[in-house]
Amino acid sequence: MVSLKLQLILLAGSLICLVLLINFIRKYRLELKYSMLWFVVTIISVVLSIFPTILNGISHLMGIELPVNALFLLTFLGLIMIILSLTLELSKSTTKIKELSQEVGILKHEMEKIKEQMRKENP
């Protein structure tokens, strides 16, 4: 059973995270596509802190004796999902930056060729 003190701490922490997340989105400091997984994890945390019997059922299904340990495991898995999604986005961004850098290099080289041709034609 989750103690009332832990339940209140979880609820307060989850609500603070939810308010911060909404504020970051509202002020355009966090793009919506990156915030969706955070939003889902935070909403699940709020629901589990309000209804701890759900956590009791989940821990029983998982074969975990203490609901707090199940909460820790679920939190860990949620954070792993967030890290994985951000790593995928980082990988995409790195590939795109590399492609753009190569294109800029090619364009600079072509501009130098054109400048050289213009100098030869107009001495």
PDB file of N, CA and C in Angstrom:
ATOM      1  N   MET A   1       0.837  -1.191   0.000  1.00  0.00           N
ATOM      2  CA  MET A   1       0.000   0.000   0.000  1.00  0.00           C
ATOM      3  C   MET A   1       0.873   1.242   0.000  1.00  0.00           C
ATOM      4  N   VAL A   2       0.503   2.206  -0.791  1.00  0.00           N
ATOM      5  CA  VAL A   2       1.226   3.469  -0.876  1.00  0.00           C
ATOM      6  C   VAL A   2       0.756   4.356   0.277  1.00  0.00           C
ATOM      7  N   SER A   3       1.718   4.894   1.017  1.00  0.00           N
ATOM      8  CA  SER A   3       1.355   5.743   2.156  1.00  0.00           C
ATOM      9  C   SER A   3       0.776   7.069   1.669  1.00  0.00           C
ATOM     10  N   LEU A   4      -0.002   7.693   2.516  1.00  0.00           N
ATOM     11  CA  LEU A   4      -0.624   8.973   2.172  1.00  0.00           C
ATOM     12  C   LEU A   4       0.439  10.039   1.922  1.00  0.00           C
ATOM     13  N   LYS A   5       1.510  10.015   2.723  1.00  0.00           N
ATOM     14  CA  LYS A   5       2.588  10.991   2.554  1.00  0.00           C
ATOM     15  C   LYS A   5       3.232  10.846   1.175  1.00  0.00           C
ATOM     16  N   LEU A   6       3.538   9.600   0.777  1.00  0.00           N
ATOM     17  CA  LEU A   6       4.121   9.360  -0.545  1.00  0.00           C
ATOM     18  C   LEU A   6       3.135   9.739  -1.640  1.00  0.00           C
ATOM     19  N   GLN A   7       1.873   9.446  -1.419  1.00  0.00           N
ATOM     20  CA  GLN A   7       0.836   9.782  -2.392  1.00  0.00           C
ATOM     21  C   GLN A   7       0.771  11.296  -2.615  1.00  0.00           C
ATOM     22  N   LEU A   8       0.836  12.069  -1.540  1.00  0.00           N
ATOM     23  CA  LEU A   8       0.805  13.534  -1.659  1.00  0.00           C
ATOM     24  C   LEU A   8       2.064  14.071  -2.328  1.00  0.00           C
ATOM     25  N   ILE A   9       3.216  13.488  -2.002  1.00  0.00           N
ATOM     26  CA  ILE A   9       4.474  13.915  -2.632  1.00  0.00           C
ATOM     27  C   ILE A   9       4.430  13.632  -4.130  1.00  0.00           C
ATOM     28  N   LEU A  10       3.950  12.446  -4.505  1.00  0.00           N
ATOM     29  CA  LEU A  10       3.833  12.097  -5.924  1.00  0.00           C
ATOM     30  C   LEU A  10       2.867  13.025  -6.648  1.00  0.00           C
ATOM     31  N   LEU A  11       1.750  13.307  -6.020  1.00  0.00           N
ATOM     32  CA  LEU A  11       0.765  14.195  -6.638  1.00  0.00           C
ATOM     33  C   LEU A  11       1.340  15.595  -6.820  1.00  0.00           C
ATOM     34  N   ALA A  12       1.992  16.119  -5.784  1.00  0.00           N
ATOM     35  CA  ALA A  12       2.582  17.462  -5.879  1.00  0.00           C
ATOM     36  C   ALA A  12       3.666  17.501  -6.955  1.00  0.00           C
ATOM     37  N   GLY A  13       4.542  16.503  -6.959  1.00  0.00           N
ATOM     38  CA  GLY A  13       5.608  16.460  -7.963  1.00  0.00           C
ATOM     39  C   GLY A  13       5.064  16.339  -9.373  1.00  0.00           C
ATOM     40  N   SER A  14       4.061  15.497  -9.550  1.00  0.00           N
ATOM     41  CA  SER A  14       3.459  15.313 -10.870  1.00  0.00           C
ATOM     42  C   SER A  14       2.768  16.579 -11.351  1.00  0.00           C
ATOM     43  N   LEU A  15       2.057  17.244 -10.452  1.00  0.00           N
ATOM     44  CA  LEU A  15       1.371  18.482 -10.837  1.00  0.00           C
ATOM     45  C   LEU A  15       2.363  19.593 -11.161  1.00  0.00           C
ATOM     46  N   ILE A  16       3.457  19.672 -10.406  1.00  0.00           N
ATOM     47  CA  ILE A  16       4.499  20.664 -10.707  1.00  0.00           C
ATOM     48  C   ILE A  16       5.089  20.392 -12.086  1.00  0.00           C
ATOM     49  N   CYS A  17       5.378  19.117 -12.374  1.00  0.00           N
ATOM     50  CA  CYS A  17       5.907  18.762 -13.697  1.00  0.00           C
ATOM     51  C   CYS A  17       4.912  19.101 -14.802  1.00  0.00           C
ATOM     52  N   LEU A  18       3.642  18.844 -14.557  1.00  0.00           N
ATOM     53  CA  LEU A  18       2.613  19.137 -15.552  1.00  0.00           C
ATOM     54  C   LEU A  18       2.512  20.637 -15.818  1.00  0.00           C
ATOM     55  N   VAL A  19       2.537  21.439 -14.767  1.00  0.00           N
ATOM     56  CA  VAL A  19       2.480  22.897 -14.919  1.00  0.00           C
ATOM     57  C   VAL A  19       3.713  23.400 -15.674  1.00  0.00           C
ATOM     58  N   LEU A  20       4.892  22.900 -15.310  1.00  0.00           N
ATOM     59  CA  LEU A  20       6.119  23.307 -16.004  1.00  0.00           C
ATOM     60  C   LEU A  20       6.068  22.917 -17.477  1.00  0.00           C
ATOM     61  N   LEU A  21       5.610  21.718 -17.753  1.00  0.00           N
ATOM     62  CA  LEU A  21       5.521  21.240 -19.124  1.00  0.00           C
ATOM     63  C   LEU A  21       4.586  22.118 -19.953  1.00  0.00           C
ATOM     64  N   ILE A  22       3.422  22.412 -19.420  1.00  0.00           N
ATOM     65  CA  ILE A  22       2.467  23.272 -20.131  1.00  0.00           C
ATOM     66  C   ILE A  22       3.046  24.668 -20.325  1.00  0.00           C
ATOM     67  N   ASN A  23       3.744  25.171 -19.322  1.00  0.00           N
ATOM     68  CA  ASN A  23       4.360  26.490 -19.422  1.00  0.00           C
ATOM     69  C   ASN A  23       5.449  26.514 -20.500  1.00  0.00           C
ATOM     70  N   PHE A  24       6.271  25.466 -20.560  1.00  0.00           N
ATOM     71  CA  PHE A  24       7.315  25.391 -21.589  1.00  0.00           C
ATOM     72  C   PHE A  24       6.710  25.354 -22.986  1.00  0.00           C
ATOM     73  N   ILE A  25       5.623  24.621 -23.140  1.00  0.00           N
ATOM     74  CA  ILE A  25       4.963  24.543 -24.443  1.00  0.00           C
ATOM     75  C   ILE A  25       4.350  25.893 -24.797  1.00  0.00           C
ATOM     76  N   ARG A  26       3.712  26.513 -23.837  1.00  0.00           N
ATOM     77  CA  ARG A  26       3.044  27.800 -24.072  1.00  0.00           C
ATOM     78  C   ARG A  26       4.037  28.888 -24.463  1.00  0.00           C
ATOM     79  N   LYS A  27       5.221  28.865 -23.868  1.00  0.00           N
ATOM     80  CA  LYS A  27       6.236  29.882 -24.160  1.00  0.00           C
ATOM     81  C   LYS A  27       7.158  29.474 -25.311  1.00  0.00           C
ATOM     82  N   TYR A  28       6.808  28.401 -26.022  1.00  0.00           N
ATOM     83  CA  TYR A  28       7.572  27.901 -27.165  1.00  0.00           C
ATOM     84  C   TYR A  28       9.013  27.533 -26.806  1.00  0.00           C
ATOM     85  N   ARG A  29       9.239  27.121 -25.576  1.00  0.00           N
ATOM     86  CA  ARG A  29      10.569  26.659 -25.178  1.00  0.00           C
ATOM     87  C   ARG A  29      10.711  25.156 -25.409  1.00  0.00           C
ATOM     88  N   LEU A  30       9.590  24.492 -25.639  1.00  0.00           N
ATOM     89  CA  LEU A  30       9.576  23.055 -25.882  1.00  0.00           C
ATOM     90  C   LEU A  30       8.574  22.778 -26.992  1.00  0.00           C
ATOM     91  N   GLU A  31       9.044  22.106 -28.041  1.00  0.00           N
ATOM     92  CA  GLU A  31       8.152  21.790 -29.149  1.00  0.00           C
ATOM     93  C   GLU A  31       7.154  20.724 -28.727  1.00  0.00           C
ATOM     94  N   LEU A  32       5.986  20.796 -29.310  1.00  0.00           N
ATOM     95  CA  LEU A  32       4.909  19.882 -28.948  1.00  0.00           C
ATOM     96  C   LEU A  32       5.286  18.428 -29.219  1.00  0.00           C
ATOM     97  N   LYS A  33       6.000  18.177 -30.324  1.00  0.00           N
ATOM     98  CA  LYS A  33       6.330  16.786 -30.660  1.00  0.00           C
ATOM     99  C   LYS A  33       7.274  16.159 -29.632  1.00  0.00           C
ATOM    100  N   TYR A  34       8.098  16.959 -28.964  1.00  0.00           N
ATOM    101  CA  TYR A  34       8.991  16.418 -27.941  1.00  0.00           C
ATOM    102  C   TYR A  34       8.295  16.290 -26.591  1.00  0.00           C
ATOM    103  N   SER A  35       7.240  17.021 -26.427  1.00  0.00           N
ATOM    104  CA  SER A  35       6.593  17.049 -25.116  1.00  0.00           C
ATOM    105  C   SER A  35       5.523  15.979 -24.938  1.00  0.00           C
ATOM    106  N   MET A  36       5.096  15.342 -26.006  1.00  0.00           N
ATOM    107  CA  MET A  36       3.982  14.402 -25.907  1.00  0.00           C
ATOM    108  C   MET A  36       4.282  13.234 -24.971  1.00  0.00           C
ATOM    109  N   LEU A  37       5.466  12.657 -25.067  1.00  0.00           N
ATOM    110  CA  LEU A  37       5.802  11.534 -24.195  1.00  0.00           C
ATOM    111  C   LEU A  37       5.914  11.986 -22.742  1.00  0.00           C
ATOM    112  N   TRP A  38       6.495  13.179 -22.523  1.00  0.00           N
ATOM    113  CA  TRP A  38       6.553  13.735 -21.167  1.00  0.00           C
ATOM    114  C   TRP A  38       5.140  13.937 -20.629  1.00  0.00           C
ATOM    115  N   PHE A  39       4.268  14.429 -21.486  1.00  0.00           N
ATOM    116  CA  PHE A  39       2.887  14.689 -21.087  1.00  0.00           C
ATOM    117  C   PHE A  39       2.188  13.390 -20.669  1.00  0.00           C
ATOM    118  N   VAL A  40       2.366  12.337 -21.454  1.00  0.00           N
ATOM    119  CA  VAL A  40       1.751  11.041 -21.143  1.00  0.00           C
ATOM    120  C   VAL A  40       2.273  10.508 -19.813  1.00  0.00           C
ATOM    121  N   VAL A  41       3.597  10.548 -19.628  1.00  0.00           N
ATOM    122  CA  VAL A  41       4.197  10.051 -18.383  1.00  0.00           C
ATOM    123  C   VAL A  41       3.692  10.859 -17.184  1.00  0.00           C
ATOM    124  N   THR A  42       3.582  12.171 -17.342  1.00  0.00           N
ATOM    125  CA  THR A  42       3.121  13.021 -16.243  1.00  0.00           C
ATOM    126  C   THR A  42       1.656  12.755 -15.907  1.00  0.00           C
ATOM    127  N   ILE A  43       0.820  12.603 -16.919  1.00  0.00           N
ATOM    128  CA  ILE A  43      -0.599  12.308 -16.681  1.00  0.00           C
ATOM    129  C   ILE A  43      -0.747  10.958 -15.977  1.00  0.00           C
ATOM    130  N   ILE A  44       0.017   9.967 -16.407  1.00  0.00           N
ATOM    131  CA  ILE A  44      -0.026   8.657 -15.738  1.00  0.00           C
ATOM    132  C   ILE A  44       0.395   8.798 -14.279  1.00  0.00           C
ATOM    133  N   SER A  45       1.407   9.615 -14.017  1.00  0.00           N
ATOM    134  CA  SER A  45       1.853   9.832 -12.634  1.00  0.00           C
ATOM    135  C   SER A  45       0.760  10.480 -11.789  1.00  0.00           C
ATOM    136  N   VAL A  46       0.068  11.446 -12.368  1.00  0.00           N
ATOM    137  CA  VAL A  46      -1.025  12.105 -11.636  1.00  0.00           C
ATOM    138  C   VAL A  46      -2.127  11.095 -11.320  1.00  0.00           C
ATOM    139  N   VAL A  47      -2.505  10.297 -12.313  1.00  0.00           N
ATOM    140  CA  VAL A  47      -3.573   9.308 -12.107  1.00  0.00           C
ATOM    141  C   VAL A  47      -3.165   8.284 -11.046  1.00  0.00           C
ATOM    142  N   LEU A  48      -1.920   7.790 -11.122  1.00  0.00           N
ATOM    143  CA  LEU A  48      -1.466   6.797 -10.142  1.00  0.00           C
ATOM    144  C   LEU A  48      -1.361   7.378  -8.737  1.00  0.00           C
ATOM    145  N   SER A  49      -1.041   8.659  -8.637  1.00  0.00           N
ATOM    146  CA  SER A  49      -0.952   9.250  -7.302  1.00  0.00           C
ATOM    147  C   SER A  49      -2.337   9.541  -6.714  1.00  0.00           C
ATOM    148  N   ILE A  50      -3.319   9.799  -7.571  1.00  0.00           N
ATOM    149  CA  ILE A  50      -4.679  10.031  -7.081  1.00  0.00           C
ATOM    150  C   ILE A  50      -5.369   8.704  -6.752  1.00  0.00           C
ATOM    151  N   PHE A  51      -5.134   7.693  -7.578  1.00  0.00           N
ATOM    152  CA  PHE A  51      -5.765   6.383  -7.392  1.00  0.00           C
ATOM    153  C   PHE A  51      -4.697   5.313  -7.150  1.00  0.00           C
ATOM    154  N   PRO A  52      -4.174   5.208  -5.945  1.00  0.00           N
ATOM    155  CA  PRO A  52      -3.091   4.248  -5.682  1.00  0.00           C
ATOM    156  C   PRO A  52      -3.526   2.787  -5.784  1.00  0.00           C
ATOM    157  N   THR A  53      -4.834   2.528  -5.780  1.00  0.00           N
ATOM    158  CA  THR A  53      -5.282   1.139  -5.926  1.00  0.00           C
ATOM    159  C   THR A  53      -4.939   0.589  -7.309  1.00  0.00           C
ATOM    160  N   ILE A  54      -4.865   1.471  -8.301  1.00  0.00           N
ATOM    161  CA  ILE A  54      -4.431   1.052  -9.640  1.00  0.00           C
ATOM    162  C   ILE A  54      -3.010   0.514  -9.553  1.00  0.00           C
ATOM    163  N   LEU A  55      -2.173   1.218  -8.809  1.00  0.00           N
ATOM    164  CA  LEU A  55      -0.783   0.797  -8.640  1.00  0.00           C
ATOM    165  C   LEU A  55      -0.703  -0.538  -7.907  1.00  0.00           C
ATOM    166  N   ASN A  56      -1.603  -0.748  -6.940  1.00  0.00           N
ATOM    167  CA  ASN A  56      -1.645  -2.040  -6.241  1.00  0.00           C
ATOM    168  C   ASN A  56      -1.948  -3.170  -7.225  1.00  0.00           C
ATOM    169  N   GLY A  57      -2.908  -2.941  -8.102  1.00  0.00           N
ATOM    170  CA  GLY A  57      -3.262  -3.946  -9.107  1.00  0.00           C
ATOM    171  C   GLY A  57      -2.133  -4.211 -10.082  1.00  0.00           C
ATOM    172  N   ILE A  58      -1.479  -3.133 -10.521  1.00  0.00           N
ATOM    173  CA  ILE A  58      -0.358  -3.275 -11.453  1.00  0.00           C
ATOM    174  C   ILE A  58       0.777  -4.055 -10.804  1.00  0.00           C
ATOM    175  N   SER A  59       1.088  -3.728  -9.554  1.00  0.00           N
ATOM    176  CA  SER A  59       2.181  -4.429  -8.871  1.00  0.00           C
ATOM    177  C   SER A  59       1.830  -5.903  -8.670  1.00  0.00           C
ATOM    178  N   HIS A  60       0.562  -6.191  -8.405  1.00  0.00           N
ATOM    179  CA  HIS A  60       0.135  -7.584  -8.255  1.00  0.00           C
ATOM    180  C   HIS A  60       0.283  -8.333  -9.581  1.00  0.00           C
ATOM    181  N   LEU A  61      -0.136  -7.700 -10.691  1.00  0.00           N
ATOM    182  CA  LEU A  61      -0.010  -8.321 -12.017  1.00  0.00           C
ATOM    183  C   LEU A  61       1.445  -8.568 -12.399  1.00  0.00           C
ATOM    184  N   MET A  62       2.322  -7.656 -11.990  1.00  0.00           N
ATOM    185  CA  MET A  62       3.744  -7.785 -12.323  1.00  0.00           C
ATOM    186  C   MET A  62       4.473  -8.732 -11.372  1.00  0.00           C
ATOM    187  N   GLY A  63       3.804  -9.140 -10.320  1.00  0.00           N
ATOM    188  CA  GLY A  63       4.439 -10.024  -9.351  1.00  0.00           C
ATOM    189  C   GLY A  63       5.389  -9.300  -8.421  1.00  0.00           C
ATOM    190  N   ILE A  64       5.146  -8.014  -8.232  1.00  0.00           N
ATOM    191  CA  ILE A  64       5.984  -7.198  -7.355  1.00  0.00           C
ATOM    192  C   ILE A  64       5.229  -7.012  -6.047  1.00  0.00           C
ATOM    193  N   GLU A  65       5.916  -7.279  -4.944  1.00  0.00           N
ATOM    194  CA  GLU A  65       5.243  -7.277  -3.642  1.00  0.00           C
ATOM    195  C   GLU A  65       4.822  -5.882  -3.194  1.00  0.00           C
ATOM    196  N   LEU A  66       5.721  -4.905  -3.338  1.00  0.00           N
ATOM    197  CA  LEU A  66       5.422  -3.552  -2.872  1.00  0.00           C
ATOM    198  C   LEU A  66       5.042  -2.648  -4.046  1.00  0.00           C
ATOM    199  N   PRO A  67       3.919  -1.956  -3.960  1.00  0.00           N
ATOM    200  CA  PRO A  67       3.508  -1.045  -5.033  1.00  0.00           C
ATOM    201  C   PRO A  67       4.534   0.058  -5.302  1.00  0.00           C
ATOM    202  N   VAL A  68       5.281   0.456  -4.280  1.00  0.00           N
ATOM    203  CA  VAL A  68       6.293   1.502  -4.465  1.00  0.00           C
ATOM    204  C   VAL A  68       7.374   1.020  -5.431  1.00  0.00           C
ATOM    205  N   ASN A  69       7.734  -0.259  -5.339  1.00  0.00           N
ATOM    206  CA  ASN A  69       8.726  -0.815  -6.264  1.00  0.00           C
ATOM    207  C   ASN A  69       8.186  -0.858  -7.691  1.00  0.00           C
ATOM    208  N   ALA A  70       6.909  -1.155  -7.840  1.00  0.00           N
ATOM    209  CA  ALA A  70       6.289  -1.137  -9.164  1.00  0.00           C
ATOM    210  C   ALA A  70       6.288   0.282  -9.725  1.00  0.00           C
ATOM    211  N   LEU A  71       6.011   1.250  -8.864  1.00  0.00           N
ATOM    212  CA  LEU A  71       6.044   2.650  -9.285  1.00  0.00           C
ATOM    213  C   LEU A  71       7.444   3.041  -9.748  1.00  0.00           C
ATOM    214  N   PHE A  72       8.449   2.611  -8.995  1.00  0.00           N
ATOM    215  CA  PHE A  72       9.835   2.893  -9.373  1.00  0.00           C
ATOM    216  C   PHE A  72      10.149   2.272 -10.731  1.00  0.00           C
ATOM    217  N   LEU A  73       9.742   1.021 -10.944  1.00  0.00           N
ATOM    218  CA  LEU A  73       9.991   0.347 -12.213  1.00  0.00           C
ATOM    219  C   LEU A  73       9.266   1.046 -13.362  1.00  0.00           C
ATOM    220  N   LEU A  74       8.015   1.415 -13.156  1.00  0.00           N
ATOM    221  CA  LEU A  74       7.252   2.101 -14.203  1.00  0.00           C
ATOM    222  C   LEU A  74       7.859   3.461 -14.534  1.00  0.00           C
ATOM    223  N   THR A  75       8.320   4.164 -13.510  1.00  0.00           N
ATOM    224  CA  THR A  75       8.981   5.451 -13.734  1.00  0.00           C
ATOM    225  C   THR A  75      10.255   5.259 -14.541  1.00  0.00           C
ATOM    226  N   PHE A  76      11.021   4.252 -14.173  1.00  0.00           N
ATOM    227  CA  PHE A  76      12.257   3.940 -14.893  1.00  0.00           C
ATOM    228  C   PHE A  76      11.959   3.621 -16.357  1.00  0.00           C
ATOM    229  N   LEU A  77      10.950   2.801 -16.616  1.00  0.00           N
ATOM    230  CA  LEU A  77      10.591   2.449 -17.990  1.00  0.00           C
ATOM    231  C   LEU A  77      10.094   3.667 -18.770  1.00  0.00           C
ATOM    232  N   GLY A  78       9.332   4.538 -18.109  1.00  0.00           N
ATOM    233  CA  GLY A  78       8.875   5.763 -18.765  1.00  0.00           C
ATOM    234  C   GLY A  78      10.034   6.660 -19.166  1.00  0.00           C
ATOM    235  N   LEU A  79      11.009   6.790 -18.268  1.00  0.00           N
ATOM    236  CA  LEU A  79      12.177   7.616 -18.582  1.00  0.00           C
ATOM    237  C   LEU A  79      13.027   6.991 -19.685  1.00  0.00           C
ATOM    238  N   ILE A  80      13.121   5.668 -19.698  1.00  0.00           N
ATOM    239  CA  ILE A  80      13.843   4.985 -20.776  1.00  0.00           C
ATOM    240  C   ILE A  80      13.165   5.268 -22.117  1.00  0.00           C
ATOM    241  N   MET A  81      11.833   5.253 -22.149  1.00  0.00           N
ATOM    242  CA  MET A  81      11.108   5.564 -23.385  1.00  0.00           C
ATOM    243  C   MET A  81      11.391   6.993 -23.839  1.00  0.00           C
ATOM    244  N   ILE A  82      11.420   7.924 -22.901  1.00  0.00           N
ATOM    245  CA  ILE A  82      11.705   9.318 -23.238  1.00  0.00           C
ATOM    246  C   ILE A  82      13.126   9.453 -23.770  1.00  0.00           C
ATOM    247  N   ILE A  83      14.078   8.820 -23.111  1.00  0.00           N
ATOM    248  CA  ILE A  83      15.472   8.878 -23.558  1.00  0.00           C
ATOM    249  C   ILE A  83      15.610   8.279 -24.952  1.00  0.00           C
ATOM    250  N   LEU A  84      14.946   7.156 -25.206  1.00  0.00           N
ATOM    251  CA  LEU A  84      15.013   6.527 -26.521  1.00  0.00           C
ATOM    252  C   LEU A  84      14.442   7.440 -27.600  1.00  0.00           C
ATOM    253  N   SER A  85      13.299   8.055 -27.336  1.00  0.00           N
ATOM    254  CA  SER A  85      12.702   8.936 -28.343  1.00  0.00           C
ATOM    255  C   SER A  85      13.585  10.154 -28.610  1.00  0.00           C
ATOM    256  N   LEU A  86      14.185  10.706 -27.558  1.00  0.00           N
ATOM    257  CA  LEU A  86      15.073  11.853 -27.752  1.00  0.00           C
ATOM    258  C   LEU A  86      16.358  11.452 -28.472  1.00  0.00           C
ATOM    259  N   THR A  87      16.845  10.235 -28.222  1.00  0.00           N
ATOM    260  CA  THR A  87      18.029   9.747 -28.923  1.00  0.00           C
ATOM    261  C   THR A  87      17.738   9.582 -30.410  1.00  0.00           C
ATOM    262  N   LEU A  88      16.553   9.087 -30.741  1.00  0.00           N
ATOM    263  CA  LEU A  88      16.171   8.967 -32.147  1.00  0.00           C
ATOM    264  C   LEU A  88      16.109  10.338 -32.819  1.00  0.00           C
ATOM    265  N   GLU A  89      15.529  11.315 -32.141  1.00  0.00           N
ATOM    266  CA  GLU A  89      15.466  12.671 -32.692  1.00  0.00           C
ATOM    267  C   GLU A  89      16.865  13.262 -32.858  1.00  0.00           C
ATOM    268  N   LEU A  90      17.729  13.015 -31.893  1.00  0.00           N
ATOM    269  CA  LEU A  90      19.104  13.501 -31.972  1.00  0.00           C
ATOM    270  C   LEU A  90      19.826  12.877 -33.156  1.00  0.00           C
ATOM    271  N   SER A  91      19.607  11.603 -33.378  1.00  0.00           N
ATOM    272  CA  SER A  91      20.229  10.914 -34.500  1.00  0.00           C
ATOM    273  C   SER A  91      19.753  11.495 -35.833  1.00  0.00           C
ATOM    274  N   LYS A  92      18.443  11.733 -35.943  1.00  0.00           N
ATOM    275  CA  LYS A  92      17.903  12.348 -37.162  1.00  0.00           C
ATOM    276  C   LYS A  92      18.508  13.730 -37.380  1.00  0.00           C
ATOM    277  N   SER A  93      18.599  14.513 -36.311  1.00  0.00           N
ATOM    278  CA  SER A  93      19.139  15.871 -36.416  1.00  0.00           C
ATOM    279  C   SER A  93      20.608  15.845 -36.819  1.00  0.00           C
ATOM    280  N   THR A  94      21.374  14.915 -36.265  1.00  0.00           N
ATOM    281  CA  THR A  94      22.791  14.806 -36.605  1.00  0.00           C
ATOM    282  C   THR A  94      22.961  14.473 -38.081  1.00  0.00           C
ATOM    283  N   THR A  95      22.163  13.547 -38.584  1.00  0.00           N
ATOM    284  CA  THR A  95      22.227  13.187 -40.002  1.00  0.00           C
ATOM    285  C   THR A  95      21.865  14.385 -40.873  1.00  0.00           C
ATOM    286  N   LYS A  96      20.826  15.106 -40.491  1.00  0.00           N
ATOM    287  CA  LYS A  96      20.396  16.277 -41.268  1.00  0.00           C
ATOM    288  C   LYS A  96      21.466  17.365 -41.250  1.00  0.00           C
ATOM    289  N   ILE A  97      22.097  17.591 -40.101  1.00  0.00           N
ATOM    290  CA  ILE A  97      23.158  18.597 -40.005  1.00  0.00           C
ATOM    291  C   ILE A  97      24.327  18.216 -40.904  1.00  0.00           C
ATOM    292  N   LYS A  98      24.669  16.933 -40.917  1.00  0.00           N
ATOM    293  CA  LYS A  98      25.772  16.479 -41.767  1.00  0.00           C
ATOM    294  C   LYS A  98      25.442  16.711 -43.239  1.00  0.00           C
ATOM    295  N   GLU A  99      24.216  16.371 -43.642  1.00  0.00           N
ATOM    296  CA  GLU A  99      23.802  16.580 -45.031  1.00  0.00           C
ATOM    297  C   GLU A  99      23.824  18.063 -45.394  1.00  0.00           C
ATOM    298  N   LEU A 100      23.316  18.908 -44.508  1.00  0.00           N
ATOM    299  CA  LEU A 100      23.290  20.348 -44.779  1.00  0.00           C
ATOM    300  C   LEU A 100      24.703  20.923 -44.848  1.00  0.00           C
ATOM    301  N   SER A 101      25.592  20.449 -43.993  1.00  0.00           N
ATOM    302  CA  SER A 101      26.981  20.917 -44.020  1.00  0.00           C
ATOM    303  C   SER A 101      27.641  20.552 -45.343  1.00  0.00           C
ATOM    304  N   GLN A 102      27.376  19.349 -45.825  1.00  0.00           N
ATOM    305  CA  GLN A 102      27.937  18.935 -47.108  1.00  0.00           C
ATOM    306  C   GLN A 102      27.373  19.782 -48.244  1.00  0.00           C
ATOM    307  N   GLU A 103      26.079  20.075 -48.205  1.00  0.00           N
ATOM    308  CA  GLU A 103      25.472  20.924 -49.232  1.00  0.00           C
ATOM    309  C   GLU A 103      26.068  22.326 -49.211  1.00  0.00           C
ATOM    310  N   VAL A 104      26.284  22.876 -48.025  1.00  0.00           N
ATOM    311  CA  VAL A 104      26.886  24.210 -47.912  1.00  0.00           C
ATOM    312  C   VAL A 104      28.294  24.184 -48.487  1.00  0.00           C
ATOM    313  N   GLY A 105      29.046  23.130 -48.205  1.00  0.00           N
ATOM    314  CA  GLY A 105      30.397  23.010 -48.752  1.00  0.00           C
ATOM    315  C   GLY A 105      30.387  22.967 -50.269  1.00  0.00           C
ATOM    316  N   ILE A 106      29.459  22.212 -50.845  1.00  0.00           N
ATOM    317  CA  ILE A 106      29.344  22.127 -52.300  1.00  0.00           C
ATOM    318  C   ILE A 106      28.957  23.483 -52.877  1.00  0.00           C
ATOM    319  N   LEU A 107      28.009  24.161 -52.253  1.00  0.00           N
ATOM    320  CA  LEU A 107      27.583  25.483 -52.736  1.00  0.00           C
ATOM    321  C   LEU A 107      28.717  26.499 -52.658  1.00  0.00           C
ATOM    322  N   LYS A 108      29.497  26.469 -51.585  1.00  0.00           N
ATOM    323  CA  LYS A 108      30.643  27.380 -51.476  1.00  0.00           C
ATOM    324  C   LYS A 108      31.651  27.107 -52.580  1.00  0.00           C
ATOM    325  N   HIS A 109      31.888  25.830 -52.850  1.00  0.00           N
ATOM    326  CA  HIS A 109      32.836  25.470 -53.905  1.00  0.00           C
ATOM    327  C   HIS A 109      32.336  25.963 -55.264  1.00  0.00           C
ATOM    328  N   GLU A 110      31.050  25.784 -55.535  1.00  0.00           N
ATOM    329  CA  GLU A 110      30.476  26.254 -56.798  1.00  0.00           C
ATOM    330  C   GLU A 110      30.530  27.771 -56.898  1.00  0.00           C
ATOM    331  N   MET A 111      30.296  28.477 -55.780  1.00  0.00           N
ATOM    332  CA  MET A 111      30.374  29.947 -55.790  1.00  0.00           C
ATOM    333  C   MET A 111      31.797  30.401 -56.094  1.00  0.00           C
ATOM    334  N   GLU A 112      32.775  29.725 -55.532  1.00  0.00           N
ATOM    335  CA  GLU A 112      34.173  30.073 -55.807  1.00  0.00           C
ATOM    336  C   GLU A 112      34.496  29.862 -57.281  1.00  0.00           C
ATOM    337  N   LYS A 113      33.979  28.792 -57.865  1.00  0.00           N
ATOM    338  CA  LYS A 113      34.189  28.542 -59.293  1.00  0.00           C
ATOM    339  C   LYS A 113      33.583  29.665 -60.129  1.00  0.00           C
ATOM    340  N   ILE A 114      32.361  30.058 -59.779  1.00  0.00           N
ATOM    341  CA  ILE A 114      31.667  31.118 -60.521  1.00  0.00           C
ATOM    342  C   ILE A 114      32.420  32.436 -60.376  1.00  0.00           C
ATOM    343  N   LYS A 115      32.887  32.758 -59.172  1.00  0.00           N
ATOM    344  CA  LYS A 115      33.656  33.991 -58.956  1.00  0.00           C
ATOM    345  C   LYS A 115      34.933  33.973 -59.779  1.00  0.00           C
ATOM    346  N   GLU A 116      35.584  32.831 -59.825  1.00  0.00           N
ATOM    347  CA  GLU A 116      36.831  32.707 -60.598  1.00  0.00           C
ATOM    348  C   GLU A 116      36.555  32.894 -62.082  1.00  0.00           C
ATOM    349  N   GLN A 117      35.449  32.322 -62.562  1.00  0.00           N
ATOM    350  CA  GLN A 117      35.083  32.489 -63.968  1.00  0.00           C
ATOM    351  C   GLN A 117      34.787  33.950 -64.280  1.00  0.00           C
ATOM    352  N   MET A 118      34.093  34.629 -63.371  1.00  0.00           N
ATOM    353  CA  MET A 118      33.756  36.035 -63.592  1.00  0.00           C
ATOM    354  C   MET A 118      35.013  36.888 -63.609  1.00  0.00           C
ATOM    355  N   ARG A 119      35.983  36.569 -62.775  1.00  0.00           N
ATOM    356  CA  ARG A 119      37.245  37.325 -62.772  1.00  0.00           C
ATOM    357  C   ARG A 119      37.993  37.139 -64.086  1.00  0.00           C
ATOM    358  N   LYS A 120      37.946  35.940 -64.631  1.00  0.00           N
ATOM    359  CA  LYS A 120      38.633  35.669 -65.896  1.00  0.00           C
ATOM    360  C   LYS A 120      37.943  36.385 -67.055  1.00  0.00           C
ATOM    361  N   GLU A 121      36.601  36.439 -67.020  1.00  0.00           N
ATOM    362  CA  GLU A 121      35.853  37.082 -68.097  1.00  0.00           C
ATOM    363  C   GLU A 121      35.914  38.600 -68.000  1.00  0.00           C
ATOM    364  N   ASN A 122      35.944  39.152 -66.813  1.00  0.00           N
ATOM    365  CA  ASN A 122      35.977  40.597 -66.591  1.00  0.00           C
ATOM    366  C   ASN A 122      37.241  40.966 -65.815  1.00  0.00           C
ATOM    367  N   PRO A 123      38.360  41.083 -66.522  1.00  0.00           N
ATOM    368  CA  PRO A 123      39.611  41.393 -65.799  1.00  0.00           C
ATOM    369  C   PRO A 123      39.666  42.778 -65.238  1.00  0.00           C
TER     370      PRO A 123
END
